[in-house]
Amino acid sequence: MRNTEKRRIREAGFTIMELAAVLGIIAVLAALSVPTYNALRRRAYEAEARSFIQEIRVAAWEYYLEKNAWPQKLTDIEYDADTYTSKYFSYSIGPESGGTGLVITATGLPDKAAAGIVVQATLSTTGELEYAK
């Protein structure tokens, strides 16, 4: 082999510095994107919970209009159990502390991806739903 052929073979790959620079850029991009992904995922779970809370709201409001009283449990509004469980959340209802409204709560199941997420809303006697912050 000639010297030029040997030199061309040696220069064909990447240097360690080039590889380290590329890996560093990838690490920075990953560090920036993971928190954003987690925030978007959390918002998606909260949106799912809010959607089902709206369904409970409709049934509870109809019950209130018919009986002039809030349902005490989910079985009063034709759910199978006092606590309804979906894939990621457990839903329950209860009276507001002042007794004038109904509190609807979605709690993330501990062994699922929505663990630690709690979405709570209060249904008023005007039919308005206000979410807790």
N, C-alpha and C. Protein backbone atom coordinates (compact mmCIF):
# COMPACT_ATOMS: atom_id res chain seq x y z
N MET A 1 0.83 -1.17 0.00
CA MET A 1 0.00 0.00 0.00
C MET A 1 0.88 1.24 0.00
N ARG A 2 0.43 2.23 -0.71
CA ARG A 2 1.17 3.47 -0.72
C ARG A 2 0.80 4.33 0.48
N ASN A 3 1.62 5.34 0.72
CA ASN A 3 1.37 6.25 1.84
C ASN A 3 0.04 7.00 1.68
N THR A 4 -0.31 7.40 0.48
CA THR A 4 -1.55 8.15 0.28
C THR A 4 -2.77 7.27 0.56
N GLU A 5 -2.68 5.98 0.20
CA GLU A 5 -3.80 5.07 0.47
C GLU A 5 -3.94 4.84 1.96
N LYS A 6 -2.82 4.70 2.67
CA LYS A 6 -2.87 4.52 4.13
C LYS A 6 -3.46 5.76 4.80
N ARG A 7 -3.07 6.92 4.34
CA ARG A 7 -3.56 8.17 4.93
C ARG A 7 -5.07 8.30 4.68
N ARG A 8 -5.56 7.95 3.51
CA ARG A 8 -6.97 8.02 3.18
C ARG A 8 -7.77 7.07 4.07
N ILE A 9 -7.27 5.89 4.36
CA ILE A 9 -7.95 4.93 5.22
C ILE A 9 -8.02 5.48 6.64
N ARG A 10 -6.94 6.09 7.14
CA ARG A 10 -6.93 6.66 8.48
C ARG A 10 -7.89 7.83 8.60
N GLU A 11 -8.04 8.64 7.58
CA GLU A 11 -8.86 9.83 7.63
C GLU A 11 -10.32 9.55 7.29
N ALA A 12 -10.70 8.33 7.06
CA ALA A 12 -12.06 8.00 6.65
C ALA A 12 -13.06 8.11 7.79
N GLY A 13 -12.70 7.93 9.06
CA GLY A 13 -13.64 7.93 10.18
C GLY A 13 -13.74 9.28 10.86
N PHE A 14 -14.55 9.32 11.94
CA PHE A 14 -14.70 10.53 12.74
C PHE A 14 -13.71 10.52 13.88
N THR A 15 -13.33 11.69 14.30
CA THR A 15 -12.43 11.77 15.45
C THR A 15 -13.27 11.69 16.72
N ILE A 16 -12.62 11.42 17.82
CA ILE A 16 -13.32 11.34 19.10
C ILE A 16 -13.93 12.69 19.46
N MET A 17 -13.27 13.76 19.12
CA MET A 17 -13.80 15.10 19.41
C MET A 17 -15.09 15.37 18.62
N GLU A 18 -15.14 14.95 17.38
CA GLU A 18 -16.35 15.14 16.59
C GLU A 18 -17.50 14.32 17.17
N LEU A 19 -17.22 13.09 17.53
CA LEU A 19 -18.25 12.25 18.15
C LEU A 19 -18.72 12.82 19.48
N ALA A 20 -17.80 13.33 20.29
CA ALA A 20 -18.16 13.93 21.58
C ALA A 20 -19.03 15.17 21.37
N ALA A 21 -18.72 15.97 20.36
CA ALA A 21 -19.52 17.16 20.08
C ALA A 21 -20.94 16.78 19.67
N VAL A 22 -21.08 15.79 18.83
CA VAL A 22 -22.41 15.34 18.39
C VAL A 22 -23.19 14.78 19.58
N LEU A 23 -22.55 13.97 20.41
CA LEU A 23 -23.22 13.42 21.58
C LEU A 23 -23.63 14.52 22.56
N GLY A 24 -22.79 15.54 22.68
CA GLY A 24 -23.12 16.68 23.55
C GLY A 24 -24.35 17.42 23.05
N ILE A 25 -24.44 17.63 21.76
CA ILE A 25 -25.61 18.30 21.17
C ILE A 25 -26.87 17.47 21.39
N ILE A 26 -26.76 16.17 21.18
CA ILE A 26 -27.90 15.28 21.40
C ILE A 26 -28.35 15.32 22.86
N ALA A 27 -27.40 15.34 23.78
CA ALA A 27 -27.73 15.38 25.21
C ALA A 27 -28.44 16.68 25.57
N VAL A 28 -28.00 17.80 25.02
CA VAL A 28 -28.65 19.09 25.29
C VAL A 28 -30.07 19.08 24.74
N LEU A 29 -30.25 18.60 23.52
CA LEU A 29 -31.59 18.53 22.94
C LEU A 29 -32.52 17.63 23.75
N ALA A 30 -32.01 16.50 24.22
CA ALA A 30 -32.81 15.59 25.05
C ALA A 30 -33.18 16.26 26.37
N ALA A 31 -32.22 16.95 26.97
CA ALA A 31 -32.48 17.62 28.26
C ALA A 31 -33.54 18.71 28.11
N LEU A 32 -33.60 19.34 26.97
CA LEU A 32 -34.61 20.38 26.73
C LEU A 32 -35.96 19.80 26.37
N SER A 33 -36.00 18.67 25.71
CA SER A 33 -37.26 18.13 25.22
C SER A 33 -38.01 17.27 26.24
N VAL A 34 -37.32 16.60 27.14
CA VAL A 34 -37.99 15.71 28.10
C VAL A 34 -38.96 16.47 29.01
N PRO A 35 -38.59 17.60 29.61
CA PRO A 35 -39.58 18.32 30.44
C PRO A 35 -40.80 18.79 29.64
N THR A 36 -40.57 19.21 28.41
CA THR A 36 -41.69 19.63 27.56
C THR A 36 -42.61 18.46 27.27
N TYR A 37 -42.03 17.32 26.98
CA TYR A 37 -42.83 16.12 26.72
C TYR A 37 -43.64 15.74 27.95
N ASN A 38 -43.03 15.77 29.12
CA ASN A 38 -43.74 15.42 30.35
C ASN A 38 -44.88 16.40 30.63
N ALA A 39 -44.68 17.68 30.38
CA ALA A 39 -45.73 18.67 30.58
C ALA A 39 -46.90 18.44 29.62
N LEU A 40 -46.59 18.13 28.38
CA LEU A 40 -47.64 17.85 27.40
C LEU A 40 -48.41 16.59 27.77
N ARG A 41 -47.70 15.61 28.25
CA ARG A 41 -48.34 14.35 28.66
C ARG A 41 -49.28 14.60 29.84
N ARG A 42 -48.83 15.38 30.81
CA ARG A 42 -49.67 15.71 31.96
C ARG A 42 -50.93 16.46 31.52
N ARG A 43 -50.77 17.41 30.61
CA ARG A 43 -51.93 18.15 30.11
C ARG A 43 -52.91 17.24 29.39
N ALA A 44 -52.41 16.24 28.69
CA ALA A 44 -53.29 15.30 28.00
C ALA A 44 -54.10 14.48 29.01
N TYR A 45 -53.45 14.03 30.09
CA TYR A 45 -54.18 13.29 31.12
C TYR A 45 -55.22 14.17 31.79
N GLU A 46 -54.86 15.42 32.07
CA GLU A 46 -55.81 16.34 32.70
C GLU A 46 -56.99 16.60 31.76
N ALA A 47 -56.74 16.68 30.47
CA ALA A 47 -57.83 16.89 29.50
C ALA A 47 -58.77 15.69 29.49
N GLU A 48 -58.22 14.50 29.62
CA GLU A 48 -59.07 13.30 29.68
C GLU A 48 -59.95 13.35 30.92
N ALA A 49 -59.37 13.73 32.05
CA ALA A 49 -60.14 13.81 33.30
C ALA A 49 -61.22 14.88 33.19
N ARG A 50 -60.90 16.03 32.62
CA ARG A 50 -61.88 17.10 32.48
C ARG A 50 -63.03 16.68 31.57
N SER A 51 -62.72 15.92 30.56
CA SER A 51 -63.76 15.43 29.65
C SER A 51 -64.76 14.56 30.39
N PHE A 52 -64.27 13.66 31.21
CA PHE A 52 -65.18 12.78 31.94
C PHE A 52 -65.90 13.55 33.05
N ILE A 53 -65.24 14.53 33.64
CA ILE A 53 -65.90 15.37 34.64
C ILE A 53 -67.09 16.09 34.00
N GLN A 54 -66.96 16.48 32.75
CA GLN A 54 -68.08 17.11 32.04
C GLN A 54 -69.26 16.15 31.92
N GLU A 55 -68.98 14.88 31.66
CA GLU A 55 -70.05 13.88 31.58
C GLU A 55 -70.75 13.74 32.93
N ILE A 56 -70.00 13.68 34.00
CA ILE A 56 -70.58 13.59 35.34
C ILE A 56 -71.38 14.85 35.63
N ARG A 57 -70.86 16.00 35.21
CA ARG A 57 -71.55 17.28 35.41
C ARG A 57 -72.95 17.25 34.80
N VAL A 58 -73.06 16.76 33.59
CA VAL A 58 -74.36 16.73 32.90
C VAL A 58 -75.34 15.86 33.70
N ALA A 59 -74.91 14.68 34.09
CA ALA A 59 -75.79 13.78 34.84
C ALA A 59 -76.16 14.35 36.20
N ALA A 60 -75.19 14.96 36.88
CA ALA A 60 -75.46 15.53 38.21
C ALA A 60 -76.39 16.75 38.09
N TRP A 61 -76.21 17.54 37.05
CA TRP A 61 -77.06 18.71 36.87
C TRP A 61 -78.50 18.30 36.59
N GLU A 62 -78.69 17.26 35.76
CA GLU A 62 -80.04 16.74 35.50
C GLU A 62 -80.67 16.24 36.79
N TYR A 63 -79.89 15.55 37.60
CA TYR A 63 -80.38 15.06 38.89
C TYR A 63 -80.81 16.24 39.77
N TYR A 64 -79.98 17.28 39.81
CA TYR A 64 -80.29 18.45 40.63
C TYR A 64 -81.57 19.14 40.16
N LEU A 65 -81.75 19.25 38.86
CA LEU A 65 -82.94 19.90 38.33
C LEU A 65 -84.21 19.10 38.62
N GLU A 66 -84.10 17.78 38.61
CA GLU A 66 -85.26 16.93 38.90
C GLU A 66 -85.62 16.90 40.38
N LYS A 67 -84.61 16.80 41.24
CA LYS A 67 -84.86 16.55 42.67
C LYS A 67 -84.55 17.73 43.57
N ASN A 68 -84.01 18.80 43.02
CA ASN A 68 -83.63 19.98 43.78
C ASN A 68 -82.65 19.64 44.91
N ALA A 69 -81.82 18.67 44.67
CA ALA A 69 -80.78 18.26 45.61
C ALA A 69 -79.66 17.62 44.81
N TRP A 70 -78.45 17.69 45.35
CA TRP A 70 -77.31 17.09 44.66
C TRP A 70 -77.26 15.59 44.92
N PRO A 71 -76.78 14.82 43.95
CA PRO A 71 -76.58 13.39 44.21
C PRO A 71 -75.50 13.20 45.27
N GLN A 72 -75.64 12.19 46.09
CA GLN A 72 -74.67 11.94 47.16
C GLN A 72 -73.53 11.02 46.71
N LYS A 73 -73.79 10.23 45.70
CA LYS A 73 -72.78 9.30 45.18
C LYS A 73 -73.06 9.05 43.71
N LEU A 74 -72.10 8.46 43.04
CA LEU A 74 -72.24 8.23 41.60
C LEU A 74 -73.37 7.26 41.26
N THR A 75 -73.68 6.36 42.17
CA THR A 75 -74.79 5.43 41.89
C THR A 75 -76.12 6.17 41.80
N ASP A 76 -76.24 7.34 42.40
CA ASP A 76 -77.46 8.13 42.29
C ASP A 76 -77.68 8.63 40.86
N ILE A 77 -76.61 8.78 40.11
CA ILE A 77 -76.72 9.26 38.73
C ILE A 77 -76.37 8.16 37.72
N GLU A 78 -76.74 6.95 38.10
CA GLU A 78 -76.70 5.78 37.20
C GLU A 78 -75.31 5.28 36.83
N TYR A 79 -74.36 5.42 37.72
CA TYR A 79 -73.07 4.76 37.54
C TYR A 79 -73.10 3.49 38.38
N ASP A 80 -72.27 2.52 38.04
CA ASP A 80 -72.32 1.21 38.70
C ASP A 80 -71.78 1.20 40.11
N ALA A 81 -70.94 2.15 40.45
CA ALA A 81 -70.31 2.14 41.78
C ALA A 81 -70.21 3.57 42.30
N ASP A 82 -69.92 3.70 43.59
CA ASP A 82 -69.77 5.02 44.20
C ASP A 82 -68.53 5.73 43.67
N THR A 83 -67.54 4.98 43.27
CA THR A 83 -66.32 5.53 42.67
C THR A 83 -66.15 4.86 41.31
N TYR A 84 -66.13 5.67 40.26
CA TYR A 84 -65.96 5.14 38.91
C TYR A 84 -64.48 5.17 38.57
N THR A 85 -63.98 4.09 37.98
CA THR A 85 -62.57 4.01 37.62
C THR A 85 -62.44 3.83 36.11
N SER A 86 -61.66 4.71 35.50
CA SER A 86 -61.33 4.59 34.08
C SER A 86 -59.92 4.00 33.98
N LYS A 87 -59.32 4.11 32.82
CA LYS A 87 -57.99 3.53 32.63
C LYS A 87 -56.94 4.22 33.50
N TYR A 88 -57.05 5.55 33.68
CA TYR A 88 -56.03 6.29 34.41
C TYR A 88 -56.51 6.98 35.67
N PHE A 89 -57.84 7.15 35.83
CA PHE A 89 -58.36 7.94 36.94
C PHE A 89 -59.46 7.21 37.70
N SER A 90 -59.64 7.68 38.93
CA SER A 90 -60.75 7.28 39.77
C SER A 90 -61.58 8.54 40.01
N TYR A 91 -62.88 8.46 39.75
CA TYR A 91 -63.77 9.62 39.85
C TYR A 91 -64.72 9.45 41.02
N SER A 92 -64.95 10.55 41.73
CA SER A 92 -65.91 10.52 42.84
C SER A 92 -66.58 11.88 42.95
N ILE A 93 -67.71 11.91 43.66
CA ILE A 93 -68.42 13.17 43.89
C ILE A 93 -68.70 13.30 45.37
N GLY A 94 -68.94 14.54 45.79
CA GLY A 94 -69.27 14.81 47.18
C GLY A 94 -69.77 16.23 47.32
N PRO A 95 -70.44 16.53 48.42
CA PRO A 95 -70.96 17.88 48.60
C PRO A 95 -69.84 18.89 48.82
N GLU A 96 -70.07 20.10 48.37
CA GLU A 96 -69.14 21.19 48.62
C GLU A 96 -69.20 21.53 50.10
N SER A 97 -68.13 22.08 50.64
CA SER A 97 -68.07 22.36 52.08
C SER A 97 -69.21 23.26 52.55
N GLY A 98 -69.65 24.19 51.73
CA GLY A 98 -70.77 25.07 52.10
C GLY A 98 -72.12 24.42 51.88
N GLY A 99 -72.13 23.30 51.18
CA GLY A 99 -73.37 22.58 50.91
C GLY A 99 -74.15 23.10 49.73
N THR A 100 -73.66 24.12 49.05
CA THR A 100 -74.41 24.68 47.94
C THR A 100 -74.02 24.10 46.59
N GLY A 101 -72.95 23.37 46.52
CA GLY A 101 -72.49 22.83 45.25
C GLY A 101 -72.07 21.38 45.37
N LEU A 102 -71.56 20.86 44.29
CA LEU A 102 -71.11 19.47 44.23
C LEU A 102 -69.66 19.46 43.76
N VAL A 103 -68.82 18.74 44.45
CA VAL A 103 -67.40 18.63 44.08
C VAL A 103 -67.20 17.32 43.33
N ILE A 104 -66.62 17.42 42.15
CA ILE A 104 -66.31 16.24 41.33
C ILE A 104 -64.79 16.14 41.28
N THR A 105 -64.27 14.96 41.65
CA THR A 105 -62.82 14.78 41.75
C THR A 105 -62.36 13.62 40.89
N ALA A 106 -61.29 13.85 40.14
CA ALA A 106 -60.61 12.80 39.38
C ALA A 106 -59.22 12.66 39.97
N THR A 107 -58.90 11.47 40.45
CA THR A 107 -57.61 11.20 41.07
C THR A 107 -56.86 10.16 40.24
N GLY A 108 -55.63 10.49 39.85
CA GLY A 108 -54.83 9.56 39.05
C GLY A 108 -54.56 8.27 39.82
N LEU A 109 -54.72 7.15 39.15
CA LEU A 109 -54.48 5.86 39.79
C LEU A 109 -52.99 5.70 40.09
N PRO A 110 -52.64 5.19 41.26
CA PRO A 110 -51.23 5.15 41.67
C PRO A 110 -50.32 4.29 40.80
N ASP A 111 -50.85 3.27 40.18
CA ASP A 111 -49.99 2.39 39.39
C ASP A 111 -50.04 2.71 37.90
N LYS A 112 -50.58 3.87 37.55
CA LYS A 112 -50.70 4.27 36.14
C LYS A 112 -49.87 5.52 35.88
N ALA A 113 -49.78 5.90 34.62
CA ALA A 113 -48.98 7.06 34.24
C ALA A 113 -49.54 8.37 34.79
N ALA A 114 -50.81 8.41 35.14
CA ALA A 114 -51.43 9.64 35.65
C ALA A 114 -51.33 9.74 37.17
N ALA A 115 -50.51 8.92 37.78
CA ALA A 115 -50.37 8.94 39.24
C ALA A 115 -49.96 10.34 39.70
N GLY A 116 -50.58 10.80 40.76
CA GLY A 116 -50.25 12.10 41.32
C GLY A 116 -51.03 13.26 40.73
N ILE A 117 -51.80 13.00 39.69
CA ILE A 117 -52.60 14.07 39.08
C ILE A 117 -53.99 14.06 39.72
N VAL A 118 -54.43 15.22 40.19
CA VAL A 118 -55.76 15.37 40.76
C VAL A 118 -56.43 16.55 40.06
N VAL A 119 -57.60 16.29 39.50
CA VAL A 119 -58.39 17.34 38.87
C VAL A 119 -59.69 17.44 39.65
N GLN A 120 -59.99 18.64 40.14
CA GLN A 120 -61.18 18.82 40.97
C GLN A 120 -61.98 19.99 40.44
N ALA A 121 -63.29 19.81 40.38
CA ALA A 121 -64.17 20.88 39.90
C ALA A 121 -65.39 20.95 40.81
N THR A 122 -65.94 22.16 40.92
CA THR A 122 -67.14 22.38 41.72
C THR A 122 -68.28 22.80 40.81
N LEU A 123 -69.38 22.09 40.93
CA LEU A 123 -70.59 22.38 40.16
C LEU A 123 -71.50 23.22 41.04
N SER A 124 -71.85 24.42 40.56
CA SER A 124 -72.68 25.33 41.37
C SER A 124 -74.16 25.14 41.04
N THR A 125 -75.01 25.78 41.81
CA THR A 125 -76.46 25.68 41.61
C THR A 125 -76.92 26.39 40.34
N THR A 126 -76.02 27.10 39.68
CA THR A 126 -76.34 27.72 38.39
C THR A 126 -75.93 26.84 37.22
N GLY A 127 -75.31 25.71 37.53
CA GLY A 127 -74.88 24.79 36.49
C GLY A 127 -73.47 25.05 35.99
N GLU A 128 -72.80 26.03 36.57
CA GLU A 128 -71.44 26.37 36.17
C GLU A 128 -70.45 25.41 36.82
N LEU A 129 -69.42 25.07 36.09
CA LEU A 129 -68.38 24.19 36.59
C LEU A 129 -67.10 25.01 36.73
N GLU A 130 -66.53 25.02 37.95
CA GLU A 130 -65.31 25.78 38.20
C GLU A 130 -64.24 24.80 38.65
N TYR A 131 -63.11 24.82 37.94
CA TYR A 131 -62.01 23.92 38.26
C TYR A 131 -61.11 24.55 39.32
N ALA A 132 -60.64 23.70 40.23
CA ALA A 132 -59.68 24.15 41.25
C ALA A 132 -58.34 24.34 40.59
N LYS A 133 -57.57 25.25 41.09
CA LYS A 133 -56.26 25.53 40.49
C LYS A 133 -55.17 24.77 41.18
